[in-house]
Amino acid sequence: MPLLLEKILAGLLVGTLIGMSGLGGGVALLPILIFGLGVPAIVAVGSAAAFNALTKVWAGLMHWRKQTVCWPLVLALASGSLPGTFLGVLFLGHLRTVYGPEVNNILRNFIGVLLVAVPAFLLLQGQLARFITIRKRCPNEVYPATVAIGFGAGFLVGMSSVGSGTVIMALLLMFVQCPPVVLVGSDIVHAVALTGVTGLLDWHMGTVDFSLVLPLLIGSIPGSVLGVKLSTLLPGQWLRYALCVILMASGARMLWV
C-alpha cells in the first residue's frame, strides 16, 4: 500500500475514533503513528501537536460564534499552559541534545506511561467523584487551580502532545461550575492556542513533518463525520471503555518494548 494512502487511512481512523468517543487527538493518534506508521516518537509528538491545532480551529470558531466560550476560564488556562508547554518543549529539546537518537526511546516510555495513566483516570473518574467530595466553583473562584491545571497540561502537551483536551476537560468537570457546553467550548478554544503554540515550537525544533500532517488531516475530516454518525448507533459509554482499555494496552506495549 502506498505510504500516502496509509497516512490518509490513519487520519481516517483517528478522526473516526475521536468522533465516536470524544477522546483527545493526541491520545488516539500517537499509538497509530508510532506503531502503525513507524514514525520516530519525537516526530510523532511534534506532528500530533500540529495536527491537533489544525483540527480544532473550526470547532473553536463555531463555539466562539455561538458564544459558548468562557474567556476568563480560557485566559486562566492559557496563563498556565503556555509557559508550561514552552518548558515542556524546551526540556524535550534538552533531552534530544543530551541523548541524541536515544531520546525516542525515552519519549516512547514517557508516552507509554501517559497512555496507561490518562485512560485509567478517565475510567475511574466517576468512581473517584463518588468518594471525593469536591465543591465546584465559578471560574473566577478557582483561578489559581485553573492556572495550575493549565501549567501541568501544557507541560504534558509540550512533552507528548497528550493532555490538551482529554485531561483538561476531565479536571474542569470536577472543579468548575459551568454549563457543560461552555466548558467544552472553552476547552476547545484554549486547546487551539495551546497546541498551536506547541506546534510552532516543535516546528522550530524541526520535529513537525507536514508530509505526515496534511494526509492525516485529509483523512480525519471524513473520519470525524463518520465517527459522529457511528456514535449514535453504538453504545457510547461502552465504546469509550473499550478504547481506553486498548490505549492502556498500547501504552503497556510501549513500556515493554
Protein backbone atom coordinates (compact mmCIF):
# COMPACT_ATOMS: atom_id res chain seq x y z
CA MET A 1 0.00 0.00 0.00
CA PRO A 2 1.44 3.44 -0.92
CA LEU A 3 2.68 5.39 2.11
CA LEU A 4 0.45 8.39 1.27
CA LEU A 5 -2.65 6.20 1.36
CA GLU A 6 -1.53 4.70 4.67
CA LYS A 7 -1.28 8.19 6.18
CA ILE A 8 -4.74 9.16 4.89
CA LEU A 9 -6.23 5.94 6.28
CA ALA A 10 -4.52 6.63 9.61
CA GLY A 11 -6.16 10.06 9.65
CA LEU A 12 -9.50 8.45 8.79
CA LEU A 13 -9.14 6.05 11.71
CA VAL A 14 -8.13 8.78 14.16
CA GLY A 15 -10.97 11.07 13.06
CA THR A 16 -13.45 8.21 13.42
CA LEU A 17 -12.20 7.33 16.92
CA ILE A 18 -12.39 10.97 18.03
CA GLY A 19 -15.87 11.41 16.58
CA MET A 20 -17.12 8.18 18.17
CA SER A 21 -15.62 8.53 21.63
CA GLY A 22 -14.63 12.15 22.22
CA LEU A 23 -11.09 11.09 23.15
CA GLY A 24 -8.36 13.65 22.60
CA GLY A 25 -6.47 13.65 19.31
CA GLY A 26 -3.05 13.15 20.89
CA VAL A 27 -4.13 10.10 22.87
CA ALA A 28 -5.73 8.47 19.83
CA LEU A 29 -3.08 9.48 17.28
CA LEU A 30 0.26 8.67 18.91
CA PRO A 31 -0.08 4.85 19.07
CA ILE A 32 -1.12 4.79 15.41
CA LEU A 33 1.84 6.93 14.34
CA ILE A 34 4.43 5.09 16.42
CA PHE A 35 3.18 1.51 15.99
CA GLY A 36 1.22 1.69 12.74
CA LEU A 37 3.41 4.00 10.65
CA GLY A 38 6.73 3.57 12.45
CA VAL A 39 7.19 7.31 13.00
CA PRO A 40 10.00 8.24 15.44
CA ALA A 41 8.47 9.27 18.75
CA ILE A 42 9.81 12.83 18.73
CA VAL A 43 8.44 13.45 15.21
CA ALA A 44 5.13 11.83 16.18
CA VAL A 45 4.80 14.25 19.11
CA GLY A 46 5.54 17.36 17.03
CA SER A 47 3.31 16.29 14.14
CA ALA A 48 0.48 15.33 16.50
CA ALA A 49 0.60 18.79 18.10
CA ALA A 50 0.32 20.47 14.69
CA PHE A 51 -2.47 18.08 13.67
CA ASN A 52 -4.41 18.77 16.87
CA ALA A 53 -4.15 22.53 16.44
CA LEU A 54 -5.43 22.46 12.88
CA THR A 55 -8.30 20.06 13.62
CA LYS A 56 -9.60 22.20 16.49
CA VAL A 57 -9.66 25.57 14.69
CA TRP A 58 -13.06 25.12 13.06
CA ALA A 59 -14.71 23.78 16.23
CA GLY A 60 -13.22 26.68 18.19
CA LEU A 61 -14.63 29.21 15.73
CA MET A 62 -18.07 27.59 15.96
CA HIS A 63 -18.08 27.82 19.77
CA TRP A 64 -16.90 31.42 19.59
CA ARG A 65 -19.74 32.30 17.20
CA LYS A 66 -22.28 30.52 19.43
CA GLN A 67 -20.92 32.39 22.48
CA THR A 68 -20.22 29.17 24.37
CA VAL A 69 -16.75 30.26 25.47
CA CYS A 70 -15.88 31.50 28.96
CA TRP A 71 -12.98 33.81 28.21
CA PRO A 72 -11.81 34.25 31.85
CA LEU A 73 -11.51 30.44 32.01
CA VAL A 74 -9.60 30.32 28.70
CA LEU A 75 -7.23 33.07 29.85
CA ALA A 76 -6.64 31.36 33.21
CA LEU A 77 -5.81 28.07 31.49
CA ALA A 78 -3.58 29.79 28.93
CA SER A 79 -1.68 31.76 31.57
CA GLY A 80 -0.53 28.42 32.95
CA SER A 81 -0.41 26.24 29.85
CA LEU A 82 1.64 28.47 27.55
CA PRO A 83 4.61 28.72 29.96
CA GLY A 84 4.11 25.02 30.69
CA THR A 85 4.29 23.95 27.05
CA PHE A 86 7.33 26.17 26.47
CA LEU A 87 9.12 24.41 29.32
CA GLY A 88 7.96 21.02 28.06
CA VAL A 89 9.29 21.60 24.54
CA LEU A 90 12.47 23.14 25.95
CA PHE A 91 13.03 20.10 28.16
CA LEU A 92 12.36 17.79 25.22
CA GLY A 93 14.93 19.68 23.15
CA HIS A 94 17.40 19.40 26.02
CA LEU A 95 16.87 15.62 26.14
CA ARG A 96 17.48 15.37 22.38
CA THR A 97 20.70 17.37 22.74
CA VAL A 98 21.95 15.19 25.60
CA TYR A 99 20.79 11.75 24.40
CA GLY A 100 20.62 12.13 20.61
CA PRO A 101 18.54 9.41 18.86
CA GLU A 102 18.07 7.66 22.22
CA VAL A 103 15.53 10.41 23.04
CA ASN A 104 12.97 8.44 21.00
CA ASN A 105 13.17 5.53 23.45
CA ILE A 106 12.90 7.90 26.44
CA LEU A 107 9.94 9.65 24.88
CA ARG A 108 8.26 6.38 23.93
CA ASN A 109 8.43 5.29 27.59
CA PHE A 110 7.01 8.64 28.72
CA ILE A 111 4.15 8.37 26.23
CA GLY A 112 3.59 4.78 27.33
CA VAL A 113 3.10 5.92 30.92
CA LEU A 114 0.63 8.59 29.77
CA LEU A 115 -1.30 6.14 27.61
CA VAL A 116 -1.76 3.95 30.68
CA ALA A 117 -2.42 6.75 33.18
CA VAL A 118 -4.77 9.00 31.18
CA PRO A 119 -7.28 6.30 30.11
CA ALA A 120 -7.13 4.81 33.62
CA PHE A 121 -8.01 8.23 35.05
CA LEU A 122 -10.92 8.55 32.62
CA LEU A 123 -12.19 5.09 33.51
CA LEU A 124 -12.00 5.82 37.25
CA GLN A 125 -13.25 9.40 37.09
CA GLY A 126 -16.82 8.51 38.04
CA GLN A 127 -15.72 6.28 40.91
CA LEU A 128 -13.35 8.96 42.22
CA ALA A 129 -16.15 11.52 42.21
CA ARG A 130 -18.20 9.25 44.48
CA PHE A 131 -15.51 9.08 47.13
CA ILE A 132 -14.06 12.59 46.85
CA THR A 133 -16.42 15.47 47.54
CA ILE A 134 -15.31 18.47 45.51
CA ARG A 135 -17.27 21.69 45.66
CA LYS A 136 -17.49 23.14 42.18
CA ARG A 137 -16.91 26.87 41.96
CA CYS A 138 -17.28 29.51 39.28
CA PRO A 139 -14.18 30.15 37.10
CA ASN A 140 -13.14 33.32 38.97
CA GLU A 141 -13.09 31.47 42.31
CA VAL A 142 -10.77 28.71 41.08
CA TYR A 143 -8.32 30.91 39.18
CA PRO A 144 -5.14 29.58 40.90
CA ALA A 145 -6.28 25.97 40.48
CA THR A 146 -7.14 26.61 36.82
CA VAL A 147 -3.71 28.11 36.19
CA ALA A 148 -2.13 25.06 37.82
CA ILE A 149 -4.25 22.71 35.66
CA GLY A 150 -3.16 24.67 32.58
CA PHE A 151 0.51 24.53 33.55
CA GLY A 152 0.50 20.78 34.14
CA ALA A 153 -1.40 20.08 30.94
CA GLY A 154 0.82 22.47 28.99
CA PHE A 155 3.96 20.67 30.12
CA LEU A 156 2.44 17.31 29.13
CA VAL A 157 1.46 18.67 25.72
CA GLY A 158 4.93 20.11 25.19
CA MET A 159 6.49 16.77 26.02
CA SER A 160 4.00 14.43 24.38
CA SER A 161 1.10 16.32 22.67
CA VAL A 162 -1.25 14.49 25.11
CA GLY A 163 -3.44 16.46 27.51
CA SER A 164 -4.79 19.49 25.62
CA GLY A 165 -8.34 18.15 25.57
CA THR A 166 -8.94 14.94 27.49
CA VAL A 167 -7.03 15.73 30.68
CA ILE A 168 -8.08 19.38 30.97
CA MET A 169 -11.74 18.64 30.27
CA ALA A 170 -11.88 15.90 32.90
CA LEU A 171 -10.39 18.22 35.54
CA LEU A 172 -12.63 21.16 34.61
CA LEU A 173 -15.70 18.97 35.01
CA MET A 174 -14.54 18.15 38.54
CA PHE A 175 -13.70 21.67 39.73
CA VAL A 176 -15.50 24.32 37.68
CA GLN A 177 -19.18 25.23 37.94
CA CYS A 178 -20.18 25.99 34.34
CA PRO A 179 -22.65 24.63 31.78
CA PRO A 180 -21.03 21.61 30.07
CA VAL A 181 -21.29 23.21 26.63
CA VAL A 182 -19.35 26.24 27.90
CA LEU A 183 -16.67 24.01 29.41
CA VAL A 184 -16.36 22.16 26.09
CA GLY A 185 -16.19 25.39 24.09
CA SER A 186 -13.65 26.95 26.44
CA ASP A 187 -11.54 23.79 26.42
CA ILE A 188 -11.50 23.66 22.61
CA VAL A 189 -10.63 27.35 22.17
CA HIS A 190 -7.85 27.03 24.74
CA ALA A 191 -6.61 23.86 23.01
CA VAL A 192 -6.30 25.78 19.72
CA ALA A 193 -3.95 28.25 21.39
CA LEU A 194 -2.06 25.60 23.37
CA THR A 195 -1.50 23.12 20.54
CA GLY A 196 -0.88 25.96 18.09
CA VAL A 197 1.96 27.36 20.19
CA THR A 198 3.26 23.83 20.83
CA GLY A 199 3.16 23.05 17.10
CA LEU A 200 5.10 26.24 16.31
CA LEU A 201 7.72 25.40 18.94
CA ASP A 202 8.02 21.85 17.60
CA TRP A 203 8.27 23.18 14.04
CA HIS A 204 11.08 25.50 15.15
CA MET A 205 12.77 22.45 16.71
CA GLY A 206 12.37 20.58 13.40
CA THR A 207 10.08 17.80 14.68
CA VAL A 208 6.94 18.54 12.62
CA ASP A 209 6.56 16.50 9.42
CA PHE A 210 3.99 18.29 7.26
CA SER A 211 4.13 15.49 4.70
CA LEU A 212 2.60 13.45 7.54
CA VAL A 213 0.27 16.10 8.98
CA LEU A 214 -1.52 17.01 5.73
CA PRO A 215 -2.57 13.46 4.74
CA LEU A 216 -3.72 12.87 8.32
CA LEU A 217 -5.92 15.96 8.05
CA ILE A 218 -7.34 14.80 4.72
CA GLY A 219 -8.38 11.51 6.27
CA SER A 220 -9.57 12.91 9.59
CA ILE A 221 -12.27 15.18 8.11
CA PRO A 222 -14.50 12.40 6.70
CA GLY A 223 -13.44 10.22 9.63
CA SER A 224 -14.82 12.65 12.20
CA VAL A 225 -18.13 12.87 10.32
CA LEU A 226 -18.30 9.06 10.17
CA GLY A 227 -17.41 8.79 13.85
CA VAL A 228 -20.19 11.17 14.92
CA LYS A 229 -22.72 9.18 12.91
CA LEU A 230 -21.49 5.87 14.33
CA SER A 231 -21.65 7.28 17.85
CA THR A 232 -25.44 7.47 17.56
CA LEU A 233 -25.62 3.77 16.64
CA LEU A 234 -23.17 2.30 19.14
CA PRO A 235 -23.29 2.37 22.96
CA GLY A 236 -21.02 5.35 23.59
CA GLN A 237 -20.09 4.58 27.19
CA TRP A 238 -19.01 1.01 26.49
CA LEU A 239 -17.18 2.14 23.36
CA ARG A 240 -15.24 4.68 25.41
CA TYR A 241 -14.37 1.98 27.94
CA ALA A 242 -13.16 -0.34 25.18
CA LEU A 243 -10.99 2.35 23.58
CA CYS A 244 -9.50 3.28 26.96
CA VAL A 245 -8.54 -0.35 27.55
CA ILE A 246 -6.98 -0.53 24.06
CA LEU A 247 -4.99 2.64 24.71
CA MET A 248 -3.80 1.28 28.06
CA ALA A 249 -2.66 -1.89 26.30
CA SER A 250 -0.82 0.24 23.72
CA GLY A 251 0.88 2.18 26.48
CA ALA A 252 1.89 -1.02 28.25
CA ARG A 253 3.37 -2.33 25.00
CA MET A 254 5.45 0.85 24.63
CA LEU A 255 6.83 0.34 28.12
CA TRP A 256 7.72 -3.29 27.47
CA VAL A 257 9.29 -2.92 24.02
